[in-house]
Amino acid sequence: ALVQRNREFLATVGEHLEFLTLTGNVERG
């Protein structure tokens, strides 16, 4: 929620995306 609107946090969004993959939340990812 903190990083979703600022492209400065692209790498951090990647970390959230990796977490969703690791927990099998593919649709959310």
PDB file of all heavy atoms in Angstrom:
ATOM      1  N   ALA A   1       0.823  -1.215   0.000  1.00  0.00           N
ATOM      2  CA  ALA A   1       0.000   0.000   0.000  1.00  0.00           C
ATOM      3  C   ALA A   1       0.853   1.260   0.000  1.00  0.00           C
ATOM      4  O   ALA A   1       0.459   2.293  -0.551  1.00  0.00           O
ATOM      5  CB  ALA A   1      -0.940  -0.009   1.211  1.00  0.00           C
ATOM      6  N   LEU A   2       2.040   1.188   0.601  1.00  0.00           N
ATOM      7  CA  LEU A   2       2.918   2.358   0.681  1.00  0.00           C
ATOM      8  C   LEU A   2       3.657   2.631  -0.630  1.00  0.00           C
ATOM      9  O   LEU A   2       4.037   3.774  -0.891  1.00  0.00           O
ATOM     10  CB  LEU A   2       3.945   2.168   1.802  1.00  0.00           C
ATOM     11  CG  LEU A   2       3.427   2.186   3.240  1.00  0.00           C
ATOM     12  CD1 LEU A   2       4.568   1.868   4.208  1.00  0.00           C
ATOM     13  CD2 LEU A   2       2.811   3.537   3.573  1.00  0.00           C
ATOM     14  N   VAL A   3       3.908   1.601  -1.424  1.00  0.00           N
ATOM     15  CA  VAL A   3       4.786   1.772  -2.590  1.00  0.00           C
ATOM     16  C   VAL A   3       4.064   1.703  -3.931  1.00  0.00           C
ATOM     17  O   VAL A   3       4.670   1.960  -4.971  1.00  0.00           O
ATOM     18  CB  VAL A   3       5.915   0.717  -2.572  1.00  0.00           C
ATOM     19  CG1 VAL A   3       6.729   0.839  -1.292  1.00  0.00           C
ATOM     20  CG2 VAL A   3       5.373  -0.707  -2.727  1.00  0.00           C
ATOM     21  N   GLN A   4       2.794   1.392  -3.940  1.00  0.00           N
ATOM     22  CA  GLN A   4       2.112   1.069  -5.186  1.00  0.00           C
ATOM     23  C   GLN A   4       1.991   2.231  -6.165  1.00  0.00           C
ATOM     24  O   GLN A   4       1.813   2.021  -7.366  1.00  0.00           O
ATOM     25  CB  GLN A   4       0.703   0.529  -4.883  1.00  0.00           C
ATOM     26  CG  GLN A   4      -0.193   1.537  -4.193  1.00  0.00           C
ATOM     27  CD  GLN A   4      -1.621   1.066  -4.071  1.00  0.00           C
ATOM     28  OE1 GLN A   4      -2.118   0.363  -4.939  1.00  0.00           O
ATOM     29  NE2 GLN A   4      -2.280   1.437  -2.999  1.00  0.00           N
ATOM     30  N   ARG A   5       2.128   3.477  -5.698  1.00  0.00           N
ATOM     31  CA  ARG A   5       1.910   4.623  -6.587  1.00  0.00           C
ATOM     32  C   ARG A   5       3.189   5.368  -6.957  1.00  0.00           C
ATOM     33  O   ARG A   5       3.123   6.387  -7.640  1.00  0.00           O
ATOM     34  CB  ARG A   5       0.915   5.594  -5.947  1.00  0.00           C
ATOM     35  CG  ARG A   5      -0.496   5.035  -5.836  1.00  0.00           C
ATOM     36  CD  ARG A   5      -1.488   6.076  -5.347  1.00  0.00           C
ATOM     37  NE  ARG A   5      -2.833   5.534  -5.335  1.00  0.00           N
ATOM     38  CZ  ARG A   5      -3.364   4.855  -4.328  1.00  0.00           C
ATOM     39  NH1 ARG A   5      -2.642   4.657  -3.227  1.00  0.00           N
ATOM     40  NH2 ARG A   5      -4.596   4.392  -4.391  1.00  0.00           N
ATOM     41  N   ASN A   6       4.334   4.882  -6.527  1.00  0.00           N
ATOM     42  CA  ASN A   6       5.580   5.602  -6.786  1.00  0.00           C
ATOM     43  C   ASN A   6       6.579   4.670  -7.459  1.00  0.00           C
ATOM     44  O   ASN A   6       7.050   3.708  -6.864  1.00  0.00           O
ATOM     45  CB  ASN A   6       6.161   6.146  -5.471  1.00  0.00           C
ATOM     46  CG  ASN A   6       7.364   7.041  -5.687  1.00  0.00           C
ATOM     47  OD1 ASN A   6       7.924   7.118  -6.780  1.00  0.00           O
ATOM     48  ND2 ASN A   6       7.769   7.734  -4.644  1.00  0.00           N
ATOM     49  N   ARG A   7       6.928   4.992  -8.684  1.00  0.00           N
ATOM     50  CA  ARG A   7       7.822   4.136  -9.463  1.00  0.00           C
ATOM     51  C   ARG A   7       9.231   4.065  -8.883  1.00  0.00           C
ATOM     52  O   ARG A   7      10.016   3.207  -9.271  1.00  0.00           O
ATOM     53  CB  ARG A   7       7.889   4.610 -10.909  1.00  0.00           C
ATOM     54  CG  ARG A   7       8.280   6.054 -11.052  1.00  0.00           C
ATOM     55  CD  ARG A   7       8.318   6.514 -12.485  1.00  0.00           C
ATOM     56  NE  ARG A   7       9.572   6.130 -13.107  1.00  0.00           N
ATOM     57  CZ  ARG A   7       9.729   5.978 -14.419  1.00  0.00           C
ATOM     58  NH1 ARG A   7       8.711   6.156 -15.231  1.00  0.00           N
ATOM     59  NH2 ARG A   7      10.901   5.662 -14.925  1.00  0.00           N
ATOM     60  N   GLU A   8       9.563   4.946  -7.946  1.00  0.00           N
ATOM     61  CA  GLU A   8      10.844   4.845  -7.256  1.00  0.00           C
ATOM     62  C   GLU A   8      10.977   3.498  -6.549  1.00  0.00           C
ATOM     63  O   GLU A   8      12.084   2.999  -6.345  1.00  0.00           O
ATOM     64  CB  GLU A   8      10.978   5.992  -6.252  1.00  0.00           C
ATOM     65  CG  GLU A   8      12.131   5.895  -5.264  1.00  0.00           C
ATOM     66  CD  GLU A   8      13.505   5.843  -5.926  1.00  0.00           C
ATOM     67  OE1 GLU A   8      13.609   6.099  -7.146  1.00  0.00           O
ATOM     68  OE2 GLU A   8      14.469   5.533  -5.228  1.00  0.00           O
ATOM     69  N   PHE A   9       9.840   2.878  -6.223  1.00  0.00           N
ATOM     70  CA  PHE A   9       9.851   1.622  -5.484  1.00  0.00           C
ATOM     71  C   PHE A   9       9.655   0.406  -6.394  1.00  0.00           C
ATOM     72  O   PHE A   9       9.141  -0.624  -5.962  1.00  0.00           O
ATOM     73  CB  PHE A   9       8.764   1.646  -4.408  1.00  0.00           C
ATOM     74  CG  PHE A   9       8.976   2.716  -3.370  1.00  0.00           C
ATOM     75  CD1 PHE A   9       8.150   3.830  -3.319  1.00  0.00           C
ATOM     76  CD2 PHE A   9      10.003   2.623  -2.451  1.00  0.00           C
ATOM     77  CE1 PHE A   9       8.332   4.818  -2.365  1.00  0.00           C
ATOM     78  CE2 PHE A   9      10.201   3.602  -1.484  1.00  0.00           C
ATOM     79  CZ  PHE A   9       9.367   4.700  -1.440  1.00  0.00           C
ATOM     80  N   LEU A  10      10.087   0.499  -7.634  1.00  0.00           N
ATOM     81  CA  LEU A  10       9.929  -0.623  -8.563  1.00  0.00           C
ATOM     82  C   LEU A  10      10.567  -1.895  -8.016  1.00  0.00           C
ATOM     83  O   LEU A  10       9.969  -2.978  -8.070  1.00  0.00           O
ATOM     84  CB  LEU A  10      10.541  -0.274  -9.925  1.00  0.00           C
ATOM     85  CG  LEU A  10      10.551  -1.397 -10.953  1.00  0.00           C
ATOM     86  CD1 LEU A  10       9.131  -1.819 -11.332  1.00  0.00           C
ATOM     87  CD2 LEU A  10      11.347  -0.986 -12.198  1.00  0.00           C
ATOM     88  N   ALA A  11      11.785  -1.802  -7.492  1.00  0.00           N
ATOM     89  CA  ALA A  11      12.451  -3.000  -6.968  1.00  0.00           C
ATOM     90  C   ALA A  11      11.712  -3.556  -5.760  1.00  0.00           C
ATOM     91  O   ALA A  11      11.623  -4.781  -5.584  1.00  0.00           O
ATOM     92  CB  ALA A  11      13.906  -2.683  -6.606  1.00  0.00           C
ATOM     93  N   THR A  12      11.168  -2.685  -4.931  1.00  0.00           N
ATOM     94  CA  THR A  12      10.405  -3.146  -3.770  1.00  0.00           C
ATOM     95  C   THR A  12       9.125  -3.844  -4.213  1.00  0.00           C
ATOM     96  O   THR A  12       8.734  -4.865  -3.636  1.00  0.00           O
ATOM     97  CB  THR A  12      10.092  -1.965  -2.837  1.00  0.00           C
ATOM     98  OG1 THR A  12      11.326  -1.366  -2.426  1.00  0.00           O
ATOM     99  CG2 THR A  12       9.320  -2.411  -1.612  1.00  0.00           C
ATOM    100  N   VAL A  13       8.470  -3.318  -5.241  1.00  0.00           N
ATOM    101  CA  VAL A  13       7.314  -4.020  -5.810  1.00  0.00           C
ATOM    102  C   VAL A  13       7.746  -5.410  -6.271  1.00  0.00           C
ATOM    103  O   VAL A  13       7.020  -6.403  -6.090  1.00  0.00           O
ATOM    104  CB  VAL A  13       6.702  -3.216  -6.974  1.00  0.00           C
ATOM    105  CG1 VAL A  13       5.669  -4.047  -7.728  1.00  0.00           C
ATOM    106  CG2 VAL A  13       6.057  -1.938  -6.456  1.00  0.00           C
ATOM    107  N   GLY A  14       8.964  -5.519  -6.831  1.00  0.00           N
ATOM    108  CA  GLY A  14       9.490  -6.824  -7.217  1.00  0.00           C
ATOM    109  C   GLY A  14       9.607  -7.765  -6.034  1.00  0.00           C
ATOM    110  O   GLY A  14       9.311  -8.959  -6.145  1.00  0.00           O
ATOM    111  N   GLU A  15      10.002  -7.250  -4.879  1.00  0.00           N
ATOM    112  CA  GLU A  15      10.089  -8.087  -3.674  1.00  0.00           C
ATOM    113  C   GLU A  15       8.714  -8.576  -3.239  1.00  0.00           C
ATOM    114  O   GLU A  15       8.548  -9.722  -2.809  1.00  0.00           O
ATOM    115  CB  GLU A  15      10.772  -7.305  -2.555  1.00  0.00           C
ATOM    116  CG  GLU A  15      12.247  -7.049  -2.826  1.00  0.00           C
ATOM    117  CD  GLU A  15      12.891  -6.091  -1.847  1.00  0.00           C
ATOM    118  OE1 GLU A  15      12.180  -5.214  -1.303  1.00  0.00           O
ATOM    119  OE2 GLU A  15      14.109  -6.199  -1.635  1.00  0.00           O
ATOM    120  N   HIS A  16       7.709  -7.720  -3.360  1.00  0.00           N
ATOM    121  CA  HIS A  16       6.343  -8.140  -3.046  1.00  0.00           C
ATOM    122  C   HIS A  16       5.865  -9.186  -4.056  1.00  0.00           C
ATOM    123  O   HIS A  16       5.188 -10.161  -3.688  1.00  0.00           O
ATOM    124  CB  HIS A  16       5.409  -6.935  -3.031  1.00  0.00           C
ATOM    125  CG  HIS A  16       5.570  -6.069  -1.825  1.00  0.00           C
ATOM    126  ND1 HIS A  16       4.898  -6.298  -0.646  1.00  0.00           N
ATOM    127  CD2 HIS A  16       6.340  -4.980  -1.597  1.00  0.00           C
ATOM    128  CE1 HIS A  16       5.240  -5.387   0.252  1.00  0.00           C
ATOM    129  NE2 HIS A  16       6.119  -4.580  -0.296  1.00  0.00           N
ATOM    130  N   LEU A  17       6.226  -8.998  -5.311  1.00  0.00           N
ATOM    131  CA  LEU A  17       5.842  -9.945  -6.345  1.00  0.00           C
ATOM    132  C   LEU A  17       6.491 -11.304  -6.094  1.00  0.00           C
ATOM    133  O   LEU A  17       5.850 -12.360  -6.239  1.00  0.00           O
ATOM    134  CB  LEU A  17       6.258  -9.387  -7.714  1.00  0.00           C
ATOM    135  CG  LEU A  17       5.799 -10.119  -8.962  1.00  0.00           C
ATOM    136  CD1 LEU A  17       4.289 -10.264  -8.990  1.00  0.00           C
ATOM    137  CD2 LEU A  17       6.286  -9.370 -10.199  1.00  0.00           C
ATOM    138  N   GLU A  18       7.749 -11.295  -5.683  1.00  0.00           N
ATOM    139  CA  GLU A  18       8.432 -12.555  -5.359  1.00  0.00           C
ATOM    140  C   GLU A  18       7.743 -13.268  -4.195  1.00  0.00           C
ATOM    141  O   GLU A  18       7.556 -14.490  -4.229  1.00  0.00           O
ATOM    142  CB  GLU A  18       9.893 -12.273  -5.003  1.00  0.00           C
ATOM    143  CG  GLU A  18      10.663 -13.528  -4.617  1.00  0.00           C
ATOM    144  CD  GLU A  18      12.075 -13.212  -4.155  1.00  0.00           C
ATOM    145  OE1 GLU A  18      12.929 -12.951  -5.026  1.00  0.00           O
ATOM    146  OE2 GLU A  18      12.329 -13.227  -2.921  1.00  0.00           O
ATOM    147  N   PHE A  19       7.354 -12.513  -3.187  1.00  0.00           N
ATOM    148  CA  PHE A  19       6.667 -13.115  -2.043  1.00  0.00           C
ATOM    149  C   PHE A  19       5.353 -13.763  -2.480  1.00  0.00           C
ATOM    150  O   PHE A  19       5.020 -14.874  -2.035  1.00  0.00           O
ATOM    151  CB  PHE A  19       6.406 -12.059  -0.977  1.00  0.00           C
ATOM    152  CG  PHE A  19       5.506 -12.526   0.133  1.00  0.00           C
ATOM    153  CD1 PHE A  19       5.928 -13.484   1.043  1.00  0.00           C
ATOM    154  CD2 PHE A  19       4.213 -12.021   0.255  1.00  0.00           C
ATOM    155  CE1 PHE A  19       5.084 -13.938   2.058  1.00  0.00           C
ATOM    156  CE2 PHE A  19       3.373 -12.455   1.263  1.00  0.00           C
ATOM    157  CZ  PHE A  19       3.807 -13.424   2.165  1.00  0.00           C
ATOM    158  N   LEU A  20       4.606 -13.115  -3.345  1.00  0.00           N
ATOM    159  CA  LEU A  20       3.349 -13.700  -3.824  1.00  0.00           C
ATOM    160  C   LEU A  20       3.601 -14.981  -4.600  1.00  0.00           C
ATOM    161  O   LEU A  20       2.823 -15.946  -4.500  1.00  0.00           O
ATOM    162  CB  LEU A  20       2.605 -12.683  -4.688  1.00  0.00           C
ATOM    163  CG  LEU A  20       2.102 -11.439  -3.952  1.00  0.00           C
ATOM    164  CD1 LEU A  20       1.462 -10.460  -4.924  1.00  0.00           C
ATOM    165  CD2 LEU A  20       1.116 -11.813  -2.844  1.00  0.00           C
ATOM    166  N   THR A  21       4.683 -15.021  -5.346  1.00  0.00           N
ATOM    167  CA  THR A  21       5.047 -16.245  -6.067  1.00  0.00           C
ATOM    168  C   THR A  21       5.387 -17.362  -5.092  1.00  0.00           C
ATOM    169  O   THR A  21       4.932 -18.501  -5.239  1.00  0.00           O
ATOM    170  CB  THR A  21       6.245 -15.962  -6.987  1.00  0.00           C
ATOM    171  OG1 THR A  21       5.889 -14.949  -7.940  1.00  0.00           O
ATOM    172  CG2 THR A  21       6.677 -17.220  -7.726  1.00  0.00           C
ATOM    173  N   LEU A  22       6.192 -17.051  -4.083  1.00  0.00           N
ATOM    174  CA  LEU A  22       6.623 -18.057  -3.115  1.00  0.00           C
ATOM    175  C   LEU A  22       5.453 -18.625  -2.314  1.00  0.00           C
ATOM    176  O   LEU A  22       5.517 -19.768  -1.847  1.00  0.00           O
ATOM    177  CB  LEU A  22       7.649 -17.452  -2.154  1.00  0.00           C
ATOM    178  CG  LEU A  22       9.042 -17.223  -2.736  1.00  0.00           C
ATOM    179  CD1 LEU A  22       9.867 -16.346  -1.822  1.00  0.00           C
ATOM    180  CD2 LEU A  22       9.748 -18.564  -2.974  1.00  0.00           C
ATOM    181  N   THR A  23       4.399 -17.840  -2.150  1.00  0.00           N
ATOM    182  CA  THR A  23       3.236 -18.309  -1.392  1.00  0.00           C
ATOM    183  C   THR A  23       2.107 -18.793  -2.305  1.00  0.00           C
ATOM    184  O   THR A  23       1.000 -19.049  -1.833  1.00  0.00           O
ATOM    185  CB  THR A  23       2.718 -17.189  -0.472  1.00  0.00           C
ATOM    186  OG1 THR A  23       2.527 -15.989  -1.233  1.00  0.00           O
ATOM    187  CG2 THR A  23       3.712 -16.922   0.656  1.00  0.00           C
ATOM    188  N   GLY A  24       2.387 -18.912  -3.600  1.00  0.00           N
ATOM    189  CA  GLY A  24       1.412 -19.471  -4.529  1.00  0.00           C
ATOM    190  C   GLY A  24       0.244 -18.570  -4.852  1.00  0.00           C
ATOM    191  O   GLY A  24      -0.778 -19.040  -5.374  1.00  0.00           O
ATOM    192  N   ASN A  25       0.382 -17.268  -4.592  1.00  0.00           N
ATOM    193  CA  ASN A  25      -0.699 -16.321  -4.900  1.00  0.00           C
ATOM    194  C   ASN A  25      -0.512 -15.767  -6.317  1.00  0.00           C
ATOM    195  O   ASN A  25      -0.265 -14.571  -6.532  1.00  0.00           O
ATOM    196  CB  ASN A  25      -0.712 -15.203  -3.862  1.00  0.00           C
ATOM    197  CG  ASN A  25      -1.204 -15.674  -2.513  1.00  0.00           C
ATOM    198  OD1 ASN A  25      -2.403 -15.815  -2.287  1.00  0.00           O
ATOM    199  ND2 ASN A  25      -0.260 -15.956  -1.609  1.00  0.00           N
ATOM    200  N   VAL A  26      -0.636 -16.672  -7.282  1.00  0.00           N
ATOM    201  CA  VAL A  26      -0.327 -16.324  -8.665  1.00  0.00           C
ATOM    202  C   VAL A  26      -1.286 -15.270  -9.209  1.00  0.00           C
ATOM    203  O   VAL A  26      -0.862 -14.316  -9.882  1.00  0.00           O
ATOM    204  CB  VAL A  26      -0.337 -17.587  -9.545  1.00  0.00           C
ATOM    205  CG1 VAL A  26      -0.227 -17.217 -11.023  1.00  0.00           C
ATOM    206  CG2 VAL A  26       0.810 -18.507  -9.149  1.00  0.00           C
ATOM    207  N   GLU A  27      -2.570 -15.425  -8.942  1.00  0.00           N
ATOM    208  CA  GLU A  27      -3.538 -14.462  -9.479  1.00  0.00           C
ATOM    209  C   GLU A  27      -3.252 -13.057  -8.965  1.00  0.00           C
ATOM    210  O   GLU A  27      -3.297 -12.079  -9.726  1.00  0.00           O
ATOM    211  CB  GLU A  27      -4.956 -14.887  -9.106  1.00  0.00           C
ATOM    212  CG  GLU A  27      -6.043 -14.179  -9.915  1.00  0.00           C
ATOM    213  CD  GLU A  27      -5.940 -14.456 -11.408  1.00  0.00           C
ATOM    214  OE1 GLU A  27      -5.603 -15.593 -11.799  1.00  0.00           O
ATOM    215  OE2 GLU A  27      -6.174 -13.502 -12.192  1.00  0.00           O
ATOM    216  N   ARG A  28      -2.967 -12.951  -7.683  1.00  0.00           N
ATOM    217  CA  ARG A  28      -2.626 -11.655  -7.109  1.00  0.00           C
ATOM    218  C   ARG A  28      -1.325 -11.126  -7.726  1.00  0.00           C
ATOM    219  O   ARG A  28      -1.198  -9.934  -8.027  1.00  0.00           O
ATOM    220  CB  ARG A  28      -2.491 -11.796  -5.589  1.00  0.00           C
ATOM    221  CG  ARG A  28      -2.348 -10.489  -4.833  1.00  0.00           C
ATOM    222  CD  ARG A  28      -2.174 -10.757  -3.338  1.00  0.00           C
ATOM    223  NE  ARG A  28      -2.197  -9.537  -2.559  1.00  0.00           N
ATOM    224  CZ  ARG A  28      -3.286  -8.995  -2.035  1.00  0.00           C
ATOM    225  NH1 ARG A  28      -4.460  -9.593  -2.204  1.00  0.00           N
ATOM    226  NH2 ARG A  28      -3.211  -7.882  -1.337  1.00  0.00           N
ATOM    227  N   GLY A  29      -0.366 -12.029  -7.913  1.00  0.00           N
ATOM    228  CA  GLY A  29       0.893 -11.628  -8.530  1.00  0.00           C
ATOM    229  C   GLY A  29       0.709 -11.126  -9.950  1.00  0.00           C
ATOM    230  O   GLY A  29       1.350 -10.154 -10.361  1.00  0.00           O
TER     231      GLY A  29
END
